[in-house]
């Protein structure tokens, strides 16, 4: 199989201007990946499947990743004017110092695809896509029209992470019920306080359920009294 660098070059030669970024993996596995610009992803996917030499005809799995926003502290060089005593004379001089600056890096949702070629007996190649953020711009193109095996897996990611796959033929929840409002695999997901695990609930779950029941009961009694 071609190296990941050669595959990147082949994509860029076949689709001029395509957004393809090599993401190195410093671990011992050295399994580098390609991050695709969402606008070019479907065209790139079709090329990877249809190219006679690459022939990535099998999408084995699709996974989701939640990257919350984070605060980053960086050192920035700043030039400022200070007062110094030089040879007994007070002077204004410029000096360059490093000052810490904080910035917030917005979060996003990422989808990771693993491709193999059954025809050529090689792989995997790892592809990635990222949303703009994790709030109101969470759309990514579906690759189900290219690899049918993506259909249920993209539905699962939609359900558990909230990625909206445009062009998906049947995008609806797969594991959670209709009307469920949240995405359980997000890192900021908070468990509800009114459920019990089966067959044996943990003490903390039972305590949470009891507190929820008491709170609901108190609201109900208060409402009844107000209506009398």
Protein backbone atom coordinates (compact mmCIF):
# COMPACT_ATOMS: atom_id res chain seq x y z
CA UNK A 1 0.00 0.00 0.00
CA UNK A 2 1.11 3.56 -0.60
CA UNK A 3 2.30 5.55 2.38
CA UNK A 4 -0.05 8.10 3.92
CA UNK A 5 2.05 10.86 2.36
CA UNK A 6 1.71 9.27 -1.07
CA UNK A 7 -2.05 8.90 -0.63
CA UNK A 8 -2.29 12.57 0.34
CA UNK A 9 -0.34 13.53 -2.79
CA UNK A 10 -2.58 11.31 -4.94
CA UNK A 11 -5.69 13.01 -3.54
CA UNK A 12 -4.27 16.47 -4.19
CA UNK A 13 -3.31 15.50 -7.74
CA UNK A 14 -6.75 14.08 -8.49
CA UNK A 15 -8.71 16.85 -6.73
CA UNK A 16 -6.79 20.13 -6.98
CA UNK A 17 -7.42 22.42 -4.03
CA UNK A 18 -8.88 19.68 -1.84
CA UNK A 19 -8.48 20.34 1.86
CA UNK A 20 -6.35 17.46 3.14
CA UNK A 21 -4.12 17.72 6.22
CA UNK A 22 -1.70 15.08 7.44
CA UNK A 23 -2.12 14.44 11.17
CA UNK A 24 0.98 12.66 12.56
CA UNK A 25 0.68 10.04 15.27
CA UNK A 26 3.75 10.08 17.56
CA UNK A 27 2.87 6.76 19.24
CA UNK A 28 4.82 3.56 18.49
CA UNK A 29 2.06 2.50 16.07
CA UNK A 30 2.78 5.52 13.90
CA UNK A 31 -0.71 5.28 12.40
CA UNK A 32 -0.96 8.73 10.85
CA UNK A 33 -4.27 10.04 9.53
CA UNK A 34 -5.71 12.51 7.06
CA UNK A 35 -8.06 15.28 8.17
CA UNK A 36 -10.45 16.28 5.39
CA UNK A 37 -12.16 19.59 4.85
CA UNK A 38 -15.91 18.79 5.06
CA UNK A 39 -16.59 20.57 1.78
CA UNK A 40 -14.28 18.14 -0.07
CA UNK A 41 -14.87 14.98 1.96
CA UNK A 42 -17.40 13.24 -0.29
CA UNK A 43 -15.33 13.82 -3.43
CA UNK A 44 -12.19 12.59 -1.66
CA UNK A 45 -14.05 9.53 -0.37
CA UNK A 46 -15.25 8.67 -3.85
CA UNK A 47 -11.71 8.96 -5.20
CA UNK A 48 -10.33 6.69 -2.49
CA UNK A 49 -12.97 4.08 -3.30
CA UNK A 50 -12.81 4.28 -7.09
CA UNK A 51 -9.08 4.77 -7.72
CA UNK A 52 -7.80 1.55 -9.31
CA UNK A 53 -4.61 1.46 -7.23
CA UNK A 54 -6.08 2.45 -3.86
CA UNK A 55 -9.54 0.80 -4.10
CA UNK A 56 -10.64 1.46 -0.51
CA UNK A 57 -13.90 -0.39 -0.93
CA UNK A 58 -14.65 -1.21 2.72
CA UNK A 59 -15.41 1.16 5.58
CA UNK A 60 -14.88 -0.94 8.71
CA UNK A 61 -15.88 1.47 11.46
CA UNK A 62 -16.79 5.04 12.28
CA UNK A 63 -16.17 6.58 15.68
CA UNK A 64 -16.94 9.91 17.33
CA UNK A 65 -14.80 12.13 19.54
CA UNK A 66 -15.89 15.08 21.67
CA UNK A 67 -13.30 17.84 22.07
CA UNK A 68 -14.60 20.39 24.63
CA UNK A 69 -13.30 23.93 24.59
CA UNK A 70 -10.22 24.54 26.70
CA UNK A 71 -8.26 27.44 28.11
CA UNK A 72 -4.69 27.70 26.85
CA UNK A 73 -1.96 29.79 28.46
CA UNK A 74 0.73 31.01 26.11
CA UNK A 75 3.81 33.17 26.61
CA UNK A 76 3.82 36.25 24.41
CA UNK A 77 6.76 38.60 23.90
CA UNK A 78 5.80 42.18 24.74
CA UNK A 79 7.92 45.32 24.31
CA UNK A 80 7.30 48.04 26.86
CA UNK A 81 8.92 51.26 28.04
CA UNK A 82 10.36 51.27 31.54
CA UNK A 83 12.33 53.69 33.65
CA UNK A 84 15.94 52.80 34.42
CA UNK A 85 18.74 54.57 36.27
CA UNK A 86 21.81 54.59 34.01
CA UNK A 87 24.97 56.21 35.36
CA UNK A 88 22.88 58.04 37.91
CA UNK A 89 20.54 59.43 35.26
CA UNK A 90 16.90 58.39 34.98
CA UNK A 91 16.14 57.22 31.45
CA UNK A 92 13.25 55.71 29.55
CA UNK A 93 14.28 52.49 27.86
CA UNK A 94 12.47 49.72 25.99
CA UNK A 95 12.66 46.11 27.09
CA UNK A 96 11.12 42.90 25.78
CA UNK A 97 9.60 40.50 28.26
CA UNK A 98 7.44 37.40 28.10
CA UNK A 99 3.95 37.68 29.56
CA UNK A 100 1.39 34.88 29.99
CA UNK A 101 -1.74 35.30 27.90
CA UNK A 102 -4.82 33.13 28.13
CA UNK A 103 -7.12 32.26 25.27
CA UNK A 104 -10.03 29.88 24.89
CA UNK A 105 -9.79 27.32 22.12
CA UNK A 106 -13.34 26.41 21.03
CA UNK A 107 -14.38 22.79 21.14
CA UNK A 108 -15.58 20.63 18.27
CA UNK A 109 -16.86 17.17 17.41
CA UNK A 110 -14.70 14.82 15.37
CA UNK A 111 -15.58 11.76 13.32
CA UNK A 112 -12.94 9.12 12.51
CA UNK A 113 -13.21 6.60 9.65
CA UNK A 114 -11.12 3.45 9.08
CA UNK A 115 -10.90 2.23 5.50
CA UNK A 116 -9.62 -1.03 4.01
CA UNK A 117 -9.32 -2.43 0.52
CA UNK A 118 -10.75 -5.91 0.20
CA UNK A 119 -9.76 -5.98 -3.47
CA UNK A 120 -6.13 -5.01 -2.87
CA UNK A 121 -5.78 -6.54 0.62
CA UNK A 122 -4.37 -3.41 2.23
CA UNK A 123 -5.25 -0.86 4.88
CA UNK A 124 -6.25 0.69 7.07
CA UNK A 125 -6.20 4.35 6.19
CA UNK A 126 -7.65 6.69 8.81
CA UNK A 127 -9.72 9.72 7.82
CA UNK A 128 -10.96 12.49 10.11
CA UNK A 129 -13.46 15.33 9.90
CA UNK A 130 -14.25 18.04 12.44
CA UNK A 131 -17.26 20.27 12.99
CA UNK A 132 -16.91 24.04 13.37
CA UNK A 133 -17.99 23.87 17.02
CA UNK A 134 -20.08 21.66 19.30
CA UNK A 135 -23.14 23.88 19.65
CA UNK A 136 -24.84 25.25 16.55
CA UNK A 137 -22.44 24.28 13.73
CA UNK A 138 -22.23 20.50 14.01
CA UNK A 139 -22.86 19.45 10.40
CA UNK A 140 -20.62 17.08 8.46
CA UNK A 141 -21.27 15.36 5.13
CA UNK A 142 -22.38 11.74 5.23
CA UNK A 143 -20.23 9.16 3.44
CA UNK A 144 -23.07 6.63 3.40
CA UNK A 145 -23.57 7.22 -0.35
CA UNK A 146 -19.94 6.07 -0.80
CA UNK A 147 -19.78 3.26 1.76
CA UNK A 148 -23.13 1.81 2.83
CA UNK A 149 -21.59 0.45 6.04
CA UNK A 150 -21.48 4.04 7.35
CA UNK A 151 -25.28 4.25 7.59
CA UNK A 152 -25.90 2.82 11.07
CA UNK A 153 -22.57 4.01 12.43
CA UNK A 154 -23.26 7.62 11.47
CA UNK A 155 -26.70 7.27 13.03
CA UNK A 156 -25.07 6.11 16.26
CA UNK A 157 -22.73 9.12 16.27
CA UNK A 158 -25.65 11.44 15.55
CA UNK A 159 -27.48 9.88 18.50
CA UNK A 160 -24.65 9.82 21.03
CA UNK A 161 -22.58 12.87 20.01
CA UNK A 162 -24.97 15.11 18.08
CA UNK A 163 -23.15 15.30 14.74
CA UNK A 164 -25.66 16.04 11.97
CA UNK A 165 -24.69 14.15 8.82
CA UNK A 166 -26.00 16.02 5.80
CA UNK A 167 -26.96 13.75 2.91
CA UNK A 168 -27.61 10.76 5.17
CA UNK A 169 -30.58 8.72 3.85
CA UNK A 170 -32.20 8.04 7.23
CA UNK A 171 -30.72 10.17 10.01
CA UNK A 172 -32.54 9.41 13.27
CA UNK A 173 -31.68 8.15 16.71
CA UNK A 174 -30.43 4.59 16.90
CA UNK A 175 -29.95 3.78 20.60
CA UNK A 176 -31.82 6.46 22.53
CA UNK A 177 -35.57 6.85 22.26
CA UNK A 178 -37.43 9.41 20.20
CA UNK A 179 -37.71 12.63 22.14
CA UNK A 180 -34.47 12.16 24.09
CA UNK A 181 -32.91 15.61 24.32
CA UNK A 182 -29.22 15.03 24.97
CA UNK A 183 -26.16 13.17 23.65
CA UNK A 184 -24.81 10.67 26.23
CA UNK A 185 -21.25 10.36 24.89
CA UNK A 186 -20.48 14.05 25.20
CA UNK A 187 -18.00 14.82 27.95
CA UNK A 188 -20.28 17.34 29.62
CA UNK A 189 -23.27 14.99 29.66
CA UNK A 190 -24.95 14.76 33.07
CA UNK A 191 -26.72 11.55 34.05
CA UNK A 192 -30.40 12.00 34.93
CA UNK A 193 -31.38 11.56 38.54
CA UNK A 194 -34.51 9.49 37.97
CA UNK A 195 -33.32 6.16 36.56
CA UNK A 196 -32.13 2.89 38.00
CA UNK A 197 -29.70 0.39 36.49
CA UNK A 198 -30.77 -3.22 36.23
CA UNK A 199 -30.58 -5.72 37.75
CA UNK A 200 -28.79 -4.16 40.73
CA UNK A 201 -28.53 -0.40 41.03
CA UNK A 202 -25.58 1.22 42.81
CA UNK A 203 -26.30 2.97 46.10
CA UNK A 204 -25.52 6.37 44.59
CA UNK A 205 -28.05 5.77 41.80
CA UNK A 206 -30.71 4.69 44.28
CA UNK A 207 -30.03 7.76 46.41
CA UNK A 208 -30.31 10.03 43.38
CA UNK A 209 -33.57 8.37 42.34
CA UNK A 210 -34.99 8.74 45.86
CA UNK A 211 -34.05 12.44 45.96
CA UNK A 212 -35.67 12.95 42.55
CA UNK A 213 -38.84 11.19 43.68
CA UNK A 214 -39.01 13.32 46.83
CA UNK A 215 -38.50 16.51 44.85
CA UNK A 216 -41.21 15.59 42.35
CA UNK A 217 -43.54 14.66 45.19
CA UNK A 218 -42.94 17.98 46.89
CA UNK A 219 -43.72 19.90 43.71
CA UNK A 220 -46.91 17.89 43.21
CA UNK A 221 -48.10 18.52 46.78
CA UNK A 222 -47.31 22.22 46.50
CA UNK A 223 -49.28 22.43 43.28
CA UNK A 224 -52.26 20.61 44.83
CA UNK A 225 -52.33 22.95 47.79
CA UNK A 226 -52.24 26.02 45.57
CA UNK A 227 -55.22 24.81 43.61
CA UNK A 228 -57.50 24.24 46.60
